[in-house]
Every structure is written in structure tokens, then in C-alpha cells.
Amino acid sequence: MPKLPDQQIGDIEVFVHDGKIHLFHLTLPAHQHVGHWVSEDALHWRQLP
């Protein structure tokens, strides 16, 4: 995953749905962004809107 500029990742949730790994995270300190990433192998990730 690319590093978010001037922000830290916090509150990470990971789960599997339909054979794909989904990762959701909030940015710190103000939780102003929710990130969503998906992977089929936990090595190659793509960001979703």
C-alpha cells in the first residue's frame, strides 16, 4: 500500500468476502479518510474508492 502523506493509518479491519481479502482503515488523528483495499493473495493490493 502506498504511504498516505502526513497521515497515519489506524483502526484497521480485515475480512474475507467471496474469496477476496478486504482491508478498511481510517486515517489518524481525525479519521477524515476511510481507505478500502482488496487482494486475492495478500501480496498484491489494489485501492478501491
N, C-alpha and C. Protein backbone atom coordinates (compact mmCIF):
# COMPACT_ATOMS: atom_id res chain seq x y z
N MET A 1 0.83 -1.18 0.00
CA MET A 1 0.00 0.00 0.00
C MET A 1 0.88 1.24 0.00
N PRO A 2 0.48 2.25 -0.73
CA PRO A 2 1.24 3.50 -0.69
C PRO A 2 1.05 4.21 0.63
N LYS A 3 2.07 4.96 1.02
CA LYS A 3 2.00 5.74 2.26
C LYS A 3 1.13 6.97 2.05
N LEU A 4 0.27 7.23 2.98
CA LEU A 4 -0.56 8.43 2.92
C LEU A 4 0.26 9.62 3.40
N PRO A 5 0.27 10.71 2.66
CA PRO A 5 1.09 11.84 3.06
C PRO A 5 0.61 12.48 4.36
N ASP A 6 1.56 12.68 5.29
CA ASP A 6 1.28 13.38 6.54
C ASP A 6 0.13 12.78 7.33
N GLN A 7 -0.12 11.51 7.17
CA GLN A 7 -1.19 10.85 7.91
C GLN A 7 -0.71 9.48 8.36
N GLN A 8 -1.31 8.96 9.39
CA GLN A 8 -1.02 7.63 9.87
C GLN A 8 -2.27 6.78 9.74
N ILE A 9 -2.06 5.50 9.50
CA ILE A 9 -3.20 4.58 9.38
C ILE A 9 -3.56 4.04 10.76
N GLY A 10 -4.84 4.03 11.05
CA GLY A 10 -5.32 3.48 12.31
C GLY A 10 -6.64 2.77 12.11
N ASP A 11 -7.10 2.07 13.14
CA ASP A 11 -8.39 1.38 13.12
C ASP A 11 -8.55 0.50 11.88
N ILE A 12 -7.70 -0.50 11.77
CA ILE A 12 -7.70 -1.40 10.61
C ILE A 12 -8.65 -2.57 10.84
N GLU A 13 -9.44 -2.88 9.84
CA GLU A 13 -10.33 -4.05 9.84
C GLU A 13 -10.05 -4.86 8.58
N VAL A 14 -9.88 -6.16 8.73
CA VAL A 14 -9.60 -7.05 7.60
C VAL A 14 -10.60 -8.20 7.66
N PHE A 15 -11.18 -8.53 6.50
CA PHE A 15 -12.07 -9.69 6.44
C PHE A 15 -12.06 -10.26 5.03
N VAL A 16 -12.51 -11.51 4.92
CA VAL A 16 -12.58 -12.20 3.64
C VAL A 16 -14.03 -12.26 3.20
N HIS A 17 -14.27 -11.91 1.93
CA HIS A 17 -15.62 -11.96 1.36
C HIS A 17 -15.50 -12.43 -0.08
N ASP A 18 -16.22 -13.47 -0.42
CA ASP A 18 -16.20 -14.06 -1.77
C ASP A 18 -14.79 -14.38 -2.23
N GLY A 19 -13.95 -14.88 -1.32
CA GLY A 19 -12.60 -15.30 -1.67
C GLY A 19 -11.59 -14.18 -1.82
N LYS A 20 -11.98 -12.95 -1.51
CA LYS A 20 -11.06 -11.81 -1.59
C LYS A 20 -10.87 -11.21 -0.20
N ILE A 21 -9.67 -10.72 0.05
CA ILE A 21 -9.35 -10.10 1.32
C ILE A 21 -9.60 -8.61 1.21
N HIS A 22 -10.40 -8.09 2.12
CA HIS A 22 -10.71 -6.66 2.13
C HIS A 22 -10.10 -6.03 3.37
N LEU A 23 -9.47 -4.89 3.20
CA LEU A 23 -8.88 -4.13 4.29
C LEU A 23 -9.49 -2.74 4.28
N PHE A 24 -10.03 -2.35 5.41
CA PHE A 24 -10.55 -0.99 5.59
C PHE A 24 -9.73 -0.33 6.67
N HIS A 25 -9.47 0.97 6.53
CA HIS A 25 -8.74 1.69 7.57
C HIS A 25 -9.20 3.13 7.63
N LEU A 26 -9.01 3.73 8.79
CA LEU A 26 -9.24 5.16 8.98
C LEU A 26 -7.89 5.83 9.15
N THR A 27 -7.79 7.09 8.77
CA THR A 27 -6.55 7.82 8.99
C THR A 27 -6.61 8.54 10.33
N LEU A 28 -5.45 8.72 10.92
CA LEU A 28 -5.33 9.42 12.19
C LEU A 28 -4.77 10.81 11.94
N PRO A 29 -5.02 11.81 12.73
CA PRO A 29 -5.69 11.70 14.00
C PRO A 29 -7.19 11.91 13.94
N ALA A 30 -7.73 12.45 12.86
CA ALA A 30 -9.13 12.87 12.86
C ALA A 30 -10.08 11.93 12.12
N HIS A 31 -9.61 10.78 11.66
CA HIS A 31 -10.45 9.82 10.92
C HIS A 31 -11.16 10.47 9.73
N GLN A 32 -10.45 11.35 9.02
CA GLN A 32 -11.08 12.09 7.93
C GLN A 32 -11.10 11.30 6.61
N HIS A 33 -10.49 10.13 6.56
CA HIS A 33 -10.46 9.35 5.32
C HIS A 33 -10.66 7.88 5.66
N VAL A 34 -11.50 7.21 4.89
CA VAL A 34 -11.67 5.76 5.01
C VAL A 34 -11.08 5.13 3.77
N GLY A 35 -10.09 4.28 3.95
CA GLY A 35 -9.46 3.59 2.83
C GLY A 35 -10.02 2.19 2.68
N HIS A 36 -10.09 1.70 1.45
CA HIS A 36 -10.58 0.35 1.17
C HIS A 36 -9.63 -0.25 0.15
N TRP A 37 -9.05 -1.38 0.50
CA TRP A 37 -8.11 -2.10 -0.36
C TRP A 37 -8.60 -3.53 -0.49
N VAL A 38 -8.28 -4.18 -1.62
CA VAL A 38 -8.70 -5.57 -1.83
C VAL A 38 -7.54 -6.36 -2.44
N SER A 39 -7.46 -7.64 -2.08
CA SER A 39 -6.40 -8.51 -2.58
C SER A 39 -6.95 -9.93 -2.70
N GLU A 40 -6.37 -10.68 -3.62
CA GLU A 40 -6.72 -12.10 -3.74
C GLU A 40 -5.65 -12.99 -3.12
N ASP A 41 -4.44 -12.42 -2.88
CA ASP A 41 -3.34 -13.24 -2.37
C ASP A 41 -2.60 -12.63 -1.18
N ALA A 42 -3.04 -11.49 -0.69
CA ALA A 42 -2.43 -10.75 0.43
C ALA A 42 -1.04 -10.20 0.11
N LEU A 43 -0.61 -10.31 -1.15
CA LEU A 43 0.66 -9.73 -1.59
C LEU A 43 0.45 -8.56 -2.53
N HIS A 44 -0.56 -8.64 -3.37
CA HIS A 44 -0.85 -7.61 -4.36
C HIS A 44 -2.19 -6.97 -4.01
N TRP A 45 -2.15 -5.68 -3.72
CA TRP A 45 -3.35 -4.96 -3.28
C TRP A 45 -3.73 -3.90 -4.28
N ARG A 46 -5.03 -3.64 -4.40
CA ARG A 46 -5.48 -2.50 -5.19
C ARG A 46 -6.47 -1.70 -4.37
N GLN A 47 -6.37 -0.39 -4.54
CA GLN A 47 -7.23 0.50 -3.77
C GLN A 47 -8.57 0.65 -4.46
N LEU A 48 -9.62 0.63 -3.66
CA LEU A 48 -10.97 0.84 -4.16
C LEU A 48 -11.48 2.18 -3.67
N PRO A 49 -12.43 2.75 -4.40
CA PRO A 49 -12.97 4.05 -3.96
C PRO A 49 -13.81 3.92 -2.70
